[in-house]
């Protein structure tokens, strides 16, 4: 994690162990807290997968991670953490294997014109 640059990291892979799944009310994205080999913790937000695709204790490799350092204050408290966004199921290797297509969630947009 310490070697990532802000933004897209082409040709880079990061591996970490899933410490826990951060449950929340909204469906997407799924959020996990991982730890790398240096015991650096970071948040991973994942789009386009089912919530049973990654479990606590899994080893996850993130391909071409989009990295961001988050630093903000809210309700009188200051928060700082490293974050990686994963947009596609193809960017994930879980326990040494790519996720299968049944782990993917396809989203769609329904638009309706009202006169």
C-alpha atoms as a PDB file:
ATOM      1  CA  UNK A   1       0.000   0.000   0.000  1.00  0.00           C
ATOM      2  CA  UNK A   2       2.812   2.404   0.801  1.00  0.00           C
ATOM      3  CA  UNK A   3       4.052   2.299  -2.807  1.00  0.00           C
ATOM      4  CA  UNK A   4       0.763   3.257  -4.480  1.00  0.00           C
ATOM      5  CA  UNK A   5       0.319   6.603  -6.185  1.00  0.00           C
ATOM      6  CA  UNK A   6      -2.852   8.657  -5.962  1.00  0.00           C
ATOM      7  CA  UNK A   7      -5.230   7.567  -8.742  1.00  0.00           C
ATOM      8  CA  UNK A   8      -5.007   4.553 -11.058  1.00  0.00           C
ATOM      9  CA  UNK A   9      -1.969   2.304 -10.554  1.00  0.00           C
ATOM     10  CA  UNK A  10      -1.570   0.521 -13.912  1.00  0.00           C
ATOM     11  CA  UNK A  11       0.438  -2.697 -13.883  1.00  0.00           C
ATOM     12  CA  UNK A  12       0.365  -2.886 -10.052  1.00  0.00           C
ATOM     13  CA  UNK A  13      -1.221  -5.513  -7.802  1.00  0.00           C
ATOM     14  CA  UNK A  14      -1.858  -5.217  -4.057  1.00  0.00           C
ATOM     15  CA  UNK A  15      -2.537  -8.227  -1.844  1.00  0.00           C
ATOM     16  CA  UNK A  16      -4.179  -8.105   1.557  1.00  0.00           C
ATOM     17  CA  UNK A  17      -6.120 -10.137   4.069  1.00  0.00           C
ATOM     18  CA  UNK A  18      -9.764  -9.268   4.692  1.00  0.00           C
ATOM     19  CA  UNK A  19     -10.152  -8.238   8.326  1.00  0.00           C
ATOM     20  CA  UNK A  20     -13.869  -7.497   8.135  1.00  0.00           C
ATOM     21  CA  UNK A  21     -16.813  -6.593   5.934  1.00  0.00           C
ATOM     22  CA  UNK A  22     -18.248  -3.160   6.735  1.00  0.00           C
ATOM     23  CA  UNK A  23     -22.015  -3.632   6.657  1.00  0.00           C
ATOM     24  CA  UNK A  24     -24.096  -0.642   5.701  1.00  0.00           C
ATOM     25  CA  UNK A  25     -27.603   0.182   4.523  1.00  0.00           C
ATOM     26  CA  UNK A  26     -26.923   0.824   0.843  1.00  0.00           C
ATOM     27  CA  UNK A  27     -26.243  -2.032  -1.573  1.00  0.00           C
ATOM     28  CA  UNK A  28     -23.257  -0.671  -3.510  1.00  0.00           C
ATOM     29  CA  UNK A  29     -20.408  -0.438  -3.096  1.00  0.00           C
ATOM     30  CA  UNK A  30     -19.421  -3.250  -0.751  1.00  0.00           C
ATOM     31  CA  UNK A  31     -16.784  -2.124   1.750  1.00  0.00           C
ATOM     32  CA  UNK A  32     -14.032  -4.183   3.350  1.00  0.00           C
ATOM     33  CA  UNK A  33     -11.088  -3.451   5.623  1.00  0.00           C
ATOM     34  CA  UNK A  34      -7.890  -5.224   4.555  1.00  0.00           C
ATOM     35  CA  UNK A  35      -4.371  -5.445   5.934  1.00  0.00           C
ATOM     36  CA  UNK A  36      -1.244  -5.828   3.786  1.00  0.00           C
ATOM     37  CA  UNK A  37       2.003  -7.655   4.668  1.00  0.00           C
ATOM     38  CA  UNK A  38       3.252  -4.537   6.520  1.00  0.00           C
ATOM     39  CA  UNK A  39       0.057  -4.573   8.645  1.00  0.00           C
ATOM     40  CA  UNK A  40      -1.127  -1.383   6.959  1.00  0.00           C
ATOM     41  CA  UNK A  41      -4.922  -1.293   7.075  1.00  0.00           C
ATOM     42  CA  UNK A  42      -6.961   0.151   4.232  1.00  0.00           C
ATOM     43  CA  UNK A  43     -10.533   0.310   3.002  1.00  0.00           C
ATOM     44  CA  UNK A  44     -11.536  -1.401  -0.244  1.00  0.00           C
ATOM     45  CA  UNK A  45     -14.780  -0.439  -1.957  1.00  0.00           C
ATOM     46  CA  UNK A  46     -15.961  -2.958  -4.535  1.00  0.00           C
ATOM     47  CA  UNK A  47     -18.605  -2.504  -7.207  1.00  0.00           C
ATOM     48  CA  UNK A  48     -20.289  -5.223  -9.239  1.00  0.00           C
ATOM     49  CA  UNK A  49     -19.995  -8.260  -6.954  1.00  0.00           C
ATOM     50  CA  UNK A  50     -22.352 -10.201  -4.730  1.00  0.00           C
ATOM     51  CA  UNK A  51     -21.885  -9.768  -0.988  1.00  0.00           C
ATOM     52  CA  UNK A  52     -20.885 -13.442  -0.561  1.00  0.00           C
ATOM     53  CA  UNK A  53     -17.943 -13.234  -3.011  1.00  0.00           C
ATOM     54  CA  UNK A  54     -15.423 -12.064  -0.389  1.00  0.00           C
ATOM     55  CA  UNK A  55     -15.389 -13.181   3.235  1.00  0.00           C
ATOM     56  CA  UNK A  56     -13.431 -12.315   6.368  1.00  0.00           C
ATOM     57  CA  UNK A  57     -10.057 -14.069   6.320  1.00  0.00           C
ATOM     58  CA  UNK A  58      -9.833 -14.246   2.513  1.00  0.00           C
ATOM     59  CA  UNK A  59      -6.639 -13.217   0.751  1.00  0.00           C
ATOM     60  CA  UNK A  60      -7.524 -10.680  -1.927  1.00  0.00           C
ATOM     61  CA  UNK A  61      -5.338  -9.383  -4.741  1.00  0.00           C
ATOM     62  CA  UNK A  62      -6.431  -6.088  -6.301  1.00  0.00           C
ATOM     63  CA  UNK A  63      -5.268  -5.562  -9.877  1.00  0.00           C
ATOM     64  CA  UNK A  64      -4.594  -2.024 -11.093  1.00  0.00           C
ATOM     65  CA  UNK A  65      -6.016  -0.446  -7.936  1.00  0.00           C
ATOM     66  CA  UNK A  66      -7.416   3.071  -7.899  1.00  0.00           C
ATOM     67  CA  UNK A  67      -5.881   4.539  -4.732  1.00  0.00           C
ATOM     68  CA  UNK A  68      -6.941   7.557  -2.728  1.00  0.00           C
ATOM     69  CA  UNK A  69      -5.927   8.922   0.663  1.00  0.00           C
ATOM     70  CA  UNK A  70      -9.062  10.073   2.459  1.00  0.00           C
ATOM     71  CA  UNK A  71      -8.786  12.880   5.025  1.00  0.00           C
ATOM     72  CA  UNK A  72     -11.909  14.601   6.378  1.00  0.00           C
ATOM     73  CA  UNK A  73     -13.704  15.832   9.488  1.00  0.00           C
ATOM     74  CA  UNK A  74     -17.293  14.971  10.388  1.00  0.00           C
ATOM     75  CA  UNK A  75     -19.306  15.767  13.507  1.00  0.00           C
ATOM     76  CA  UNK A  76     -16.239  17.028  15.334  1.00  0.00           C
ATOM     77  CA  UNK A  77     -14.038  14.019  14.570  1.00  0.00           C
ATOM     78  CA  UNK A  78     -11.118  13.759  12.150  1.00  0.00           C
ATOM     79  CA  UNK A  79     -10.767  10.703   9.877  1.00  0.00           C
ATOM     80  CA  UNK A  80      -7.780   9.638   7.766  1.00  0.00           C
ATOM     81  CA  UNK A  81      -7.424   6.353   5.893  1.00  0.00           C
ATOM     82  CA  UNK A  82      -6.148   4.728   2.715  1.00  0.00           C
ATOM     83  CA  UNK A  83      -8.763   3.640   0.218  1.00  0.00           C
ATOM     84  CA  UNK A  84      -8.791   1.498  -2.926  1.00  0.00           C
ATOM     85  CA  UNK A  85     -11.726   1.383  -5.338  1.00  0.00           C
ATOM     86  CA  UNK A  86     -12.418  -1.721  -7.433  1.00  0.00           C
ATOM     87  CA  UNK A  87     -14.827  -1.171 -10.305  1.00  0.00           C
ATOM     88  CA  UNK A  88     -14.797  -4.556 -12.077  1.00  0.00           C
ATOM     89  CA  UNK A  89     -14.915  -8.183 -10.917  1.00  0.00           C
ATOM     90  CA  UNK A  90     -11.952  -8.859 -13.236  1.00  0.00           C
ATOM     91  CA  UNK A  91      -9.753  -6.733 -10.933  1.00  0.00           C
ATOM     92  CA  UNK A  92     -10.122  -9.220  -8.062  1.00  0.00           C
ATOM     93  CA  UNK A  93      -8.328 -12.453  -7.226  1.00  0.00           C
ATOM     94  CA  UNK A  94      -9.687 -14.120  -4.083  1.00  0.00           C
ATOM     95  CA  UNK A  95      -7.662 -16.873  -2.430  1.00  0.00           C
ATOM     96  CA  UNK A  96      -5.587 -17.272  -5.590  1.00  0.00           C
ATOM     97  CA  UNK A  97      -8.546 -17.539  -7.985  1.00  0.00           C
ATOM     98  CA  UNK A  98     -10.397 -15.105 -10.185  1.00  0.00           C
ATOM     99  CA  UNK A  99     -14.035 -14.713  -9.203  1.00  0.00           C
ATOM    100  CA  UNK A 100     -16.467 -16.621 -11.384  1.00  0.00           C
ATOM    101  CA  UNK A 101     -19.254 -14.948 -13.325  1.00  0.00           C
ATOM    102  CA  UNK A 102     -21.871 -16.032 -10.753  1.00  0.00           C
ATOM    103  CA  UNK A 103     -20.208 -13.657  -8.258  1.00  0.00           C
ATOM    104  CA  UNK A 104     -20.793 -10.698 -10.565  1.00  0.00           C
ATOM    105  CA  UNK A 105     -23.756  -8.384 -10.195  1.00  0.00           C
ATOM    106  CA  UNK A 106     -24.885  -6.654 -13.326  1.00  0.00           C
ATOM    107  CA  UNK A 107     -26.511  -3.320 -12.812  1.00  0.00           C
ATOM    108  CA  UNK A 108     -28.963  -1.651 -15.086  1.00  0.00           C
ATOM    109  CA  UNK A 109     -30.586   1.726 -15.335  1.00  0.00           C
ATOM    110  CA  UNK A 110     -34.259   2.078 -16.061  1.00  0.00           C
ATOM    111  CA  UNK A 111     -35.241   5.399 -17.579  1.00  0.00           C
ATOM    112  CA  UNK A 112     -38.746   6.560 -18.246  1.00  0.00           C
ATOM    113  CA  UNK A 113     -39.788   9.700 -20.064  1.00  0.00           C
ATOM    114  CA  UNK A 114     -42.734  11.445 -18.435  1.00  0.00           C
ATOM    115  CA  UNK A 115     -44.455  14.093 -20.435  1.00  0.00           C
END
